[in-house]
């Protein structure tokens, strides 16, 4: 028997063994319906029977050989009788469900493989690859938790010495406010040249001490990104690195920092032309705990859907990234461009969630939204980090930072009382490990959070 025939025979038998218990034991129907879907039944007759069982069950009607045959016009009496005669017990139904899903997946992949071999153009082939990736992303296992189970889990999670499963950002003030769990979607938005890539790299390097991190870049390349990392880690001027003017002391500093530069579990992944499905496949294969997408609007839309508008594409990408995190438990940090800001008298209008470019879906899907931007032209190094959305904590707050472009690093600005003089003072740069007073509450619709006009 050929491999294809063997697969078909296995799938055929598994389908009958899943349908049988559903026809003789109503107690198992709900559990089976949660675990399988139409495409798991590759044999047309069996798929028709499965759909009839589901319709009857959802309508609250009895399900047995007689009612199913009647629902199908009375033409399935013999095949239903055969399925029931072969059913000895319903106790093993979920084992048969597992076999059914595996054999159906193998058959669908084999079918796509044949179509891939016959495809005449690259777009068709890539669309088939997307379809193959999506087969593994169908109906996820449904998680149902009783109150008793939730109570027990709560006690375990909060037991003495139990560590919260939150990401640590390397910024104490941020760790205190932002509680990001596995599967959450974080969006970091910024205007061009605001430093969002540098800040994302700073986050990624710190997180990579404890988690495998995949940095998916769609605009830079691995060499440019690592140049930034070297400058940030060694404090060797970024300009000297970019112009190849490193001196002996610079090389000594870089060599002495070899361990710090090579030990983080951080990998750069060229993602040009990738869909979210592609990113998902790589992230699962590489066992990443966090993926950084730089940046969201550059990701390619689903290849099976052509002629999408930018709004439709970005809406889909946002939803797909959220689904990626929820279904896999991988943390997702997605960078996003902001719409062009207004600039009045050298001061930039503070962005809001509505500033996220090309789709309002982003602000709905994200668990956390951080916005980084320059305050005004008079202090080019000064940045604001605004916590615009925070599902699990306080939002509409902001902190001041200094961005040192020559070392590609961010540092906090020490909070200070309002000076007697109205003259702007030079920010004092410190470590990010502050005392929690870094954040300032923002009034609603505040245009420039740290402008002198807004200070009290």
Protein backbone atom coordinates (compact mmCIF):
# COMPACT_ATOMS: atom_id res chain seq x y z
CA UNK A 1 0.00 0.00 0.00
CA UNK A 2 1.34 3.42 -0.93
CA UNK A 3 1.99 6.06 1.72
CA UNK A 4 -0.88 8.19 0.40
CA UNK A 5 -3.29 5.22 0.52
CA UNK A 6 -2.11 4.36 4.04
CA UNK A 7 -2.79 7.92 5.21
CA UNK A 8 -6.24 7.88 3.61
CA UNK A 9 -7.08 4.55 5.26
CA UNK A 10 -5.93 5.80 8.67
CA UNK A 11 -7.95 9.01 8.30
CA UNK A 12 -11.03 7.03 7.12
CA UNK A 13 -10.93 4.71 10.14
CA UNK A 14 -10.30 7.54 12.62
CA UNK A 15 -13.27 9.51 11.30
CA UNK A 16 -15.64 6.57 11.81
CA UNK A 17 -14.30 5.95 15.31
CA UNK A 18 -14.91 9.59 16.29
CA UNK A 19 -18.44 9.69 14.83
CA UNK A 20 -19.51 6.39 16.44
CA UNK A 21 -19.23 7.53 20.09
CA UNK A 22 -21.06 10.76 19.20
CA UNK A 23 -23.99 8.67 17.88
CA UNK A 24 -24.22 6.33 20.89
CA UNK A 25 -23.20 8.57 23.81
CA UNK A 26 -24.54 12.16 23.92
CA UNK A 27 -22.23 12.94 26.85
CA UNK A 28 -19.13 13.01 24.61
CA UNK A 29 -20.53 15.20 21.82
CA UNK A 30 -19.73 18.58 23.40
CA UNK A 31 -16.14 17.57 24.18
CA UNK A 32 -15.57 16.35 20.63
CA UNK A 33 -17.09 19.49 19.08
CA UNK A 34 -14.65 21.62 21.09
CA UNK A 35 -11.68 19.67 19.75
CA UNK A 36 -12.41 19.14 16.04
CA UNK A 37 -13.69 21.09 13.04
CA UNK A 38 -15.04 20.38 9.58
CA UNK A 39 -11.70 20.04 7.82
CA UNK A 40 -10.63 17.23 10.16
CA UNK A 41 -13.17 15.06 8.29
CA UNK A 42 -11.56 14.57 4.90
CA UNK A 43 -14.13 12.01 3.68
CA UNK A 44 -17.16 13.83 2.28
CA UNK A 45 -19.83 11.51 3.69
CA UNK A 46 -18.33 11.56 7.18
CA UNK A 47 -18.01 15.36 7.08
CA UNK A 48 -21.71 15.59 6.18
CA UNK A 49 -22.63 13.35 9.13
CA UNK A 50 -20.43 15.39 11.48
CA UNK A 51 -22.14 18.63 10.42
CA UNK A 52 -25.58 17.08 10.96
CA UNK A 53 -24.60 15.95 14.48
CA UNK A 54 -23.36 19.45 15.27
CA UNK A 55 -26.55 21.09 13.98
CA UNK A 56 -28.77 18.82 16.05
CA UNK A 57 -26.66 19.18 19.17
CA UNK A 58 -26.50 22.99 18.92
CA UNK A 59 -30.27 23.08 18.43
CA UNK A 60 -30.78 21.08 21.63
CA UNK A 61 -32.26 18.09 19.80
CA UNK A 62 -31.46 14.42 20.51
CA UNK A 63 -28.56 12.91 18.57
CA UNK A 64 -28.63 9.25 17.51
CA UNK A 65 -28.61 7.19 14.34
CA UNK A 66 -32.31 7.76 13.68
CA UNK A 67 -32.34 11.57 14.19
CA UNK A 68 -29.17 12.08 12.17
CA UNK A 69 -30.50 9.98 9.29
CA UNK A 70 -33.75 11.93 9.35
CA UNK A 71 -31.83 15.25 9.33
CA UNK A 72 -29.97 14.04 6.23
CA UNK A 73 -33.13 13.14 4.29
CA UNK A 74 -33.21 9.42 5.18
CA UNK A 75 -30.38 8.46 2.83
CA UNK A 76 -27.69 7.52 5.39
CA UNK A 77 -29.32 4.61 7.24
CA UNK A 78 -26.87 1.92 6.20
CA UNK A 79 -23.66 3.90 6.73
CA UNK A 80 -24.87 5.15 10.12
CA UNK A 81 -25.78 1.58 11.14
CA UNK A 82 -22.32 0.41 10.10
CA UNK A 83 -20.60 3.14 12.15
CA UNK A 84 -22.71 2.30 15.23
CA UNK A 85 -22.10 -1.47 14.88
CA UNK A 86 -18.32 -0.85 14.90
CA UNK A 87 -18.53 1.29 18.07
CA UNK A 88 -17.76 -0.81 21.14
CA UNK A 89 -17.27 2.04 23.65
CA UNK A 90 -17.13 5.83 23.86
CA UNK A 91 -14.39 5.89 26.51
CA UNK A 92 -11.55 6.15 23.96
CA UNK A 93 -13.10 8.86 21.82
CA UNK A 94 -10.52 11.57 22.63
CA UNK A 95 -7.69 9.22 21.67
CA UNK A 96 -9.44 8.73 18.33
CA UNK A 97 -9.81 12.53 18.05
CA UNK A 98 -6.05 12.88 18.43
CA UNK A 99 -5.46 10.31 15.67
CA UNK A 100 -8.09 11.99 13.51
CA UNK A 101 -6.46 15.41 13.75
CA UNK A 102 -2.95 14.09 13.04
CA UNK A 103 -4.02 12.03 10.03
CA UNK A 104 -6.13 14.90 8.64
CA UNK A 105 -3.19 17.30 9.01
CA UNK A 106 -0.92 14.85 7.17
CA UNK A 107 -3.42 14.49 4.34
CA UNK A 108 -3.92 18.25 3.98
CA UNK A 109 -0.15 18.82 3.95
CA UNK A 110 0.33 16.11 1.35
CA UNK A 111 -2.36 17.71 -0.81
CA UNK A 112 -0.75 21.14 -0.47
CA UNK A 113 2.61 19.57 -1.33
CA UNK A 114 1.21 18.27 -4.61
CA UNK A 115 -0.27 21.70 -5.41
CA UNK A 116 3.04 23.33 -4.51
CA UNK A 117 4.90 21.12 -6.95
CA UNK A 118 2.44 22.05 -9.72
CA UNK A 119 2.27 25.80 -8.94
CA UNK A 120 3.40 27.96 -11.87
CA UNK A 121 4.38 31.19 -10.11
CA UNK A 122 6.08 32.29 -6.89
CA UNK A 123 3.07 34.11 -5.42
CA UNK A 124 0.96 30.96 -5.71
CA UNK A 125 3.71 28.91 -4.06
CA UNK A 126 4.08 31.38 -1.20
CA UNK A 127 0.30 31.43 -0.74
CA UNK A 128 0.32 27.64 -0.42
CA UNK A 129 3.07 27.90 2.18
CA UNK A 130 0.91 30.32 4.16
CA UNK A 131 -1.94 27.81 3.92
CA UNK A 132 0.35 25.07 5.21
CA UNK A 133 1.40 27.25 8.16
CA UNK A 134 -2.24 28.06 8.96
CA UNK A 135 -3.16 24.37 9.20
CA UNK A 136 -1.36 24.22 12.53
CA UNK A 137 -3.12 27.38 13.71
CA UNK A 138 -6.70 26.20 13.38
CA UNK A 139 -8.97 25.54 16.32
CA UNK A 140 -6.77 25.85 19.39
CA UNK A 141 -7.31 23.59 22.36
CA UNK A 142 -10.09 25.17 24.39
CA UNK A 143 -9.09 25.98 27.95
CA UNK A 144 -11.95 25.70 30.42
CA UNK A 145 -11.23 26.41 34.08
CA UNK A 146 -13.59 25.79 36.98
CA UNK A 147 -13.71 28.17 39.94
CA UNK A 148 -12.09 25.49 42.11
CA UNK A 149 -9.23 25.10 39.63
CA UNK A 150 -8.83 28.88 39.37
CA UNK A 151 -8.69 29.15 43.18
CA UNK A 152 -6.01 26.46 43.44
CA UNK A 153 -4.00 28.08 40.66
CA UNK A 154 -4.28 31.47 42.38
CA UNK A 155 -2.78 30.07 45.59
CA UNK A 156 0.07 28.46 43.65
CA UNK A 157 0.81 31.69 41.77
CA UNK A 158 0.88 33.75 44.94
CA UNK A 159 2.62 31.30 47.25
CA UNK A 160 5.62 32.46 49.25
CA UNK A 161 8.61 32.83 46.96
CA UNK A 162 6.58 32.50 43.75
CA UNK A 163 7.98 34.94 41.19
CA UNK A 164 5.59 36.86 38.98
CA UNK A 165 6.00 35.83 35.31
CA UNK A 166 6.39 39.40 34.08
CA UNK A 167 9.00 40.69 31.66
CA UNK A 168 11.67 42.91 33.20
CA UNK A 169 12.60 45.83 30.96
CA UNK A 170 15.79 47.01 32.63
CA UNK A 171 13.97 50.14 33.79
CA UNK A 172 12.73 49.90 37.36
CA UNK A 173 10.07 52.57 36.89
CA UNK A 174 8.70 50.63 33.91
CA UNK A 175 8.83 47.29 35.74
CA UNK A 176 6.75 48.83 38.54
CA UNK A 177 4.00 49.96 36.17
CA UNK A 178 3.92 47.51 33.26
CA UNK A 179 3.07 43.87 33.99
CA UNK A 180 3.52 41.99 30.72
CA UNK A 181 2.72 38.28 30.83
CA UNK A 182 3.46 35.52 28.30
CA UNK A 183 1.36 36.05 25.18
CA UNK A 184 0.82 39.79 25.66
CA UNK A 185 1.19 42.25 22.77
CA UNK A 186 3.18 45.41 23.51
CA UNK A 187 3.32 48.22 20.94
CA UNK A 188 6.14 50.78 21.00
CA UNK A 189 5.22 53.73 18.82
CA UNK A 190 7.45 56.58 17.79
CA UNK A 191 7.94 59.32 15.23
CA UNK A 192 10.83 58.83 12.76
CA UNK A 193 14.23 59.35 14.43
CA UNK A 194 12.68 59.40 17.93
CA UNK A 195 14.85 56.43 18.91
CA UNK A 196 12.27 53.64 19.04
CA UNK A 197 14.65 51.11 17.46
CA UNK A 198 17.40 52.02 19.94
CA UNK A 199 14.96 51.69 22.84
CA UNK A 200 13.65 48.36 21.52
CA UNK A 201 17.23 47.07 21.25
CA UNK A 202 17.92 48.24 24.80
CA UNK A 203 14.85 46.31 25.99
CA UNK A 204 15.78 43.25 23.91
CA UNK A 205 19.37 43.09 25.20
CA UNK A 206 18.21 43.21 28.80
CA UNK A 207 15.39 40.68 28.35
CA UNK A 208 17.76 38.35 26.46
CA UNK A 209 19.58 37.68 29.75
CA UNK A 210 16.68 35.44 30.76
CA UNK A 211 14.72 34.72 27.57
CA UNK A 212 15.46 33.78 23.98
CA UNK A 213 14.71 36.87 21.90
CA UNK A 214 14.15 37.07 18.15
CA UNK A 215 14.50 40.56 16.68
CA UNK A 216 12.65 40.54 13.34
CA UNK A 217 13.84 43.51 11.31
CA UNK A 218 12.14 44.77 8.17
CA UNK A 219 13.94 48.07 7.64
CA UNK A 220 17.52 47.82 8.97
CA UNK A 221 19.90 44.88 8.69
CA UNK A 222 21.78 42.75 11.21
CA UNK A 223 25.05 44.70 10.79
CA UNK A 224 23.41 48.08 11.44
CA UNK A 225 21.57 46.71 14.45
CA UNK A 226 24.70 45.15 15.94
CA UNK A 227 26.60 48.41 15.42
CA UNK A 228 24.03 50.03 17.72
CA UNK A 229 24.41 47.23 20.25
CA UNK A 230 28.20 47.60 20.30
CA UNK A 231 27.98 51.34 20.86
CA UNK A 232 25.41 50.97 23.64
CA UNK A 233 27.34 48.22 25.43
CA UNK A 234 30.84 49.71 25.16
CA UNK A 235 30.04 53.46 24.98
CA UNK A 236 32.28 53.69 21.91
CA UNK A 237 30.85 56.62 19.90
CA UNK A 238 28.36 55.43 17.33
CA UNK A 239 29.69 57.93 14.80
CA UNK A 240 33.18 56.38 15.00
CA UNK A 241 31.72 52.93 14.39
CA UNK A 242 29.71 54.07 11.37
CA UNK A 243 32.67 55.92 9.80
CA UNK A 244 35.19 53.12 10.50
CA UNK A 245 37.39 55.40 12.61
CA UNK A 246 37.92 53.11 15.59
CA UNK A 247 41.16 53.63 17.46
CA UNK A 248 43.23 51.27 19.58
CA UNK A 249 41.37 52.24 22.76
CA UNK A 250 38.05 51.62 21.04
CA UNK A 251 39.06 48.13 19.95
CA UNK A 252 40.35 47.41 23.44
CA UNK A 253 36.98 48.45 24.92
CA UNK A 254 35.08 46.29 22.42
CA UNK A 255 37.28 43.25 22.97
CA UNK A 256 37.07 43.60 26.74
CA UNK A 257 33.26 43.56 26.44
CA UNK A 258 33.15 40.36 24.36
CA UNK A 259 31.23 38.42 27.00
CA UNK A 260 28.60 41.12 27.39
CA UNK A 261 28.24 41.38 23.61
CA UNK A 262 27.96 37.68 22.84
CA UNK A 263 26.19 36.13 25.84
CA UNK A 264 22.65 37.58 25.44
CA UNK A 265 20.21 35.12 23.84
CA UNK A 266 19.39 37.65 21.14
CA UNK A 267 19.13 36.78 17.44
CA UNK A 268 18.50 39.08 14.49
CA UNK A 269 16.09 37.72 11.87
CA UNK A 270 15.75 39.31 8.44
CA UNK A 271 11.99 39.50 7.94
CA UNK A 272 11.65 41.38 4.65
CA UNK A 273 8.65 39.95 2.75
CA UNK A 274 7.51 37.84 5.71
CA UNK A 275 3.92 37.45 6.85
CA UNK A 276 2.90 37.01 10.49
CA UNK A 277 2.50 33.32 9.68
CA UNK A 278 6.17 33.17 8.63
CA UNK A 279 7.26 34.97 11.81
CA UNK A 280 5.19 32.59 13.90
CA UNK A 281 6.76 29.50 12.34
CA UNK A 282 10.29 30.78 12.95
CA UNK A 283 9.50 31.90 16.51
CA UNK A 284 8.14 28.47 17.41
CA UNK A 285 11.03 26.64 15.74
CA UNK A 286 13.62 28.80 17.56
CA UNK A 287 11.76 28.68 20.91
CA UNK A 288 11.75 32.46 21.34
CA UNK A 289 10.26 33.81 24.56
CA UNK A 290 10.00 37.31 23.06
CA UNK A 291 9.83 38.48 19.49
CA UNK A 292 10.46 42.09 18.50
CA UNK A 293 8.96 43.21 15.19
CA UNK A 294 10.63 46.31 13.71
CA UNK A 295 8.20 47.44 12.51
CA UNK A 296 4.51 46.45 12.28
CA UNK A 297 3.45 48.44 9.21
CA UNK A 298 6.19 46.80 7.11
CA UNK A 299 4.95 43.22 7.57
CA UNK A 300 3.49 41.65 4.47
CA UNK A 301 -0.23 40.84 4.45
CA UNK A 302 -1.69 37.37 3.98
CA UNK A 303 -0.58 36.18 0.53
CA UNK A 304 -3.97 34.56 -0.08
CA UNK A 305 -5.65 37.98 0.11
CA UNK A 306 -4.56 40.24 -2.70
CA UNK A 307 -5.41 43.87 -3.38
CA UNK A 308 -5.88 44.74 0.28
CA UNK A 309 -5.71 48.40 1.24
CA UNK A 310 -3.00 49.46 3.71
CA UNK A 311 -5.72 49.91 6.34
CA UNK A 312 -7.01 46.35 5.81
CA UNK A 313 -3.47 44.91 5.76
CA UNK A 314 -2.36 46.60 8.99
CA UNK A 315 -5.66 45.70 10.68
CA UNK A 316 -5.09 42.06 9.78
CA UNK A 317 -1.45 42.15 10.89
CA UNK A 318 -2.36 43.64 14.27
CA UNK A 319 -4.98 40.93 14.87
CA UNK A 320 -2.58 38.20 13.72
CA UNK A 321 0.17 39.39 16.09
CA UNK A 322 -2.26 39.38 18.99
CA UNK A 323 -3.39 35.87 18.04
CA UNK A 324 0.25 34.74 17.72
CA UNK A 325 0.92 35.76 21.31
CA UNK A 326 -2.29 34.33 22.74
CA UNK A 327 -1.97 30.96 21.02
CA UNK A 328 1.76 30.42 21.59
CA UNK A 329 2.48 32.25 24.85
CA UNK A 330 5.27 34.22 23.18
CA UNK A 331 5.69 37.84 24.28
CA UNK A 332 5.33 40.20 21.29
CA UNK A 333 6.89 43.68 21.13
CA UNK A 334 5.86 45.40 17.90
CA UNK A 335 7.26 48.76 16.83
CA UNK A 336 4.88 51.12 15.08
CA UNK A 337 5.21 54.32 13.12
CA UNK A 338 3.11 57.30 14.22
CA UNK A 339 1.24 59.68 11.98
CA UNK A 340 3.08 62.90 11.17
CA UNK A 341 2.90 65.23 14.21
CA UNK A 342 2.06 68.87 14.39
CA UNK A 343 4.96 71.13 15.30
CA UNK A 344 4.11 74.58 16.65
CA UNK A 345 6.87 76.98 17.65
CA UNK A 346 9.39 74.15 17.84
CA UNK A 347 7.20 72.00 20.11
CA UNK A 348 5.85 68.65 18.98
CA UNK A 349 2.24 67.76 19.73
CA UNK A 350 2.17 64.81 22.12
CA UNK A 351 1.00 61.64 20.34
CA UNK A 352 -1.97 59.57 21.46
CA UNK A 353 -3.06 56.03 20.65
CA UNK A 354 -4.92 57.51 17.68
CA UNK A 355 -1.51 58.50 16.27
CA UNK A 356 -0.65 54.85 15.51
CA UNK A 357 -0.42 54.80 11.74
CA UNK A 358 -2.87 53.14 9.35
CA UNK A 359 -5.23 51.25 11.68
CA UNK A 360 -7.21 51.81 14.85
CA UNK A 361 -7.13 48.03 15.37
CA UNK A 362 -3.64 48.34 16.90
CA UNK A 363 -4.90 50.22 19.95
CA UNK A 364 -7.63 47.61 20.45
CA UNK A 365 -5.34 44.58 20.18
CA UNK A 366 -2.39 45.82 22.25
CA UNK A 367 -2.17 45.04 25.96
CA UNK A 368 0.35 47.85 26.45
CA UNK A 369 1.11 50.88 24.27
CA UNK A 370 4.22 52.98 24.87
CA UNK A 371 4.92 56.11 22.84
CA UNK A 372 8.37 57.68 22.61
CA UNK A 373 8.94 61.15 21.14
CA UNK A 374 11.04 64.30 21.38
CA UNK A 375 9.50 67.13 23.39
CA UNK A 376 10.73 70.10 21.40
CA UNK A 377 13.49 71.28 19.12
CA UNK A 378 15.21 73.25 21.91
CA UNK A 379 16.22 70.05 23.76
CA UNK A 380 16.98 67.53 21.00
CA UNK A 381 18.21 64.84 23.44
CA UNK A 382 15.17 64.99 25.69
CA UNK A 383 12.56 62.29 25.11
CA UNK A 384 9.18 61.49 26.60
CA UNK A 385 8.10 57.89 27.19
CA UNK A 386 4.33 57.94 27.46
CA UNK A 387 2.38 54.96 28.78
CA UNK A 388 -0.74 55.44 26.67
CA UNK A 389 -2.42 52.08 27.34
CA UNK A 390 -1.84 49.65 30.17
CA UNK A 391 -4.51 46.97 30.62
CA UNK A 392 -3.08 45.75 33.92
CA UNK A 393 -2.06 49.04 35.49
CA UNK A 394 -1.93 52.81 35.42
CA UNK A 395 -1.98 54.59 32.06
CA UNK A 396 -1.84 58.16 30.75
CA UNK A 397 1.44 58.78 32.57
CA UNK A 398 4.84 59.75 31.18
CA UNK A 399 8.48 59.98 32.17
CA UNK A 400 11.39 62.00 30.84
CA UNK A 401 14.46 60.36 29.34
CA UNK A 402 17.69 61.42 27.70
CA UNK A 403 18.57 59.79 24.40
CA UNK A 404 22.29 59.79 23.74
CA UNK A 405 22.51 59.26 20.01
CA UNK A 406 26.30 58.88 20.16
CA UNK A 407 25.94 55.75 22.30
CA UNK A 408 22.42 54.73 21.24
CA UNK A 409 21.27 54.61 24.87
CA UNK A 410 18.40 55.95 26.93
CA UNK A 411 18.72 57.07 30.53
CA UNK A 412 16.26 58.58 32.95
CA UNK A 413 16.22 62.21 33.93
CA UNK A 414 16.27 62.80 37.66
CA UNK A 415 12.92 64.26 38.75
CA UNK A 416 13.38 67.75 40.18
CA UNK A 417 11.06 70.36 41.69
CA UNK A 418 9.96 73.30 39.59
CA UNK A 419 12.91 75.73 39.42
CA UNK A 420 12.35 79.32 40.46
CA UNK A 421 13.70 80.49 37.12
CA UNK A 422 11.66 79.88 33.96
CA UNK A 423 14.86 79.11 32.06
CA UNK A 424 15.11 75.55 30.84
CA UNK A 425 17.83 73.61 32.65
CA UNK A 426 20.02 70.95 31.15
CA UNK A 427 18.68 67.48 32.05
CA UNK A 428 20.67 65.48 34.58
CA UNK A 429 21.27 61.99 33.26
CA UNK A 430 21.11 59.06 35.66
CA UNK A 431 20.70 55.33 35.72
CA UNK A 432 17.18 54.08 35.07
CA UNK A 433 17.05 52.58 38.53
CA UNK A 434 15.07 55.35 40.18
CA UNK A 435 12.86 55.64 43.23
CA UNK A 436 9.52 55.37 41.45
CA UNK A 437 9.00 59.11 41.16
CA UNK A 438 9.92 59.20 37.47
CA UNK A 439 6.33 59.14 36.24
CA UNK A 440 4.13 62.22 35.87
CA UNK A 441 0.35 61.97 35.59
CA UNK A 442 -0.90 63.50 32.36
CA UNK A 443 -4.12 65.51 32.10
CA UNK A 444 -6.47 64.36 29.40
CA UNK A 445 -5.58 65.72 25.93
CA UNK A 446 -2.36 67.25 27.26
CA UNK A 447 -0.50 68.52 24.16
CA UNK A 448 3.06 68.60 25.52
CA UNK A 449 3.42 66.84 28.88
CA UNK A 450 6.68 68.46 29.93
CA UNK A 451 6.45 71.84 28.26
CA UNK A 452 7.03 74.79 30.56
CA UNK A 453 3.47 75.97 29.94
CA UNK A 454 2.16 72.69 31.37
CA UNK A 455 4.17 72.79 34.59
CA UNK A 456 2.58 73.89 37.82
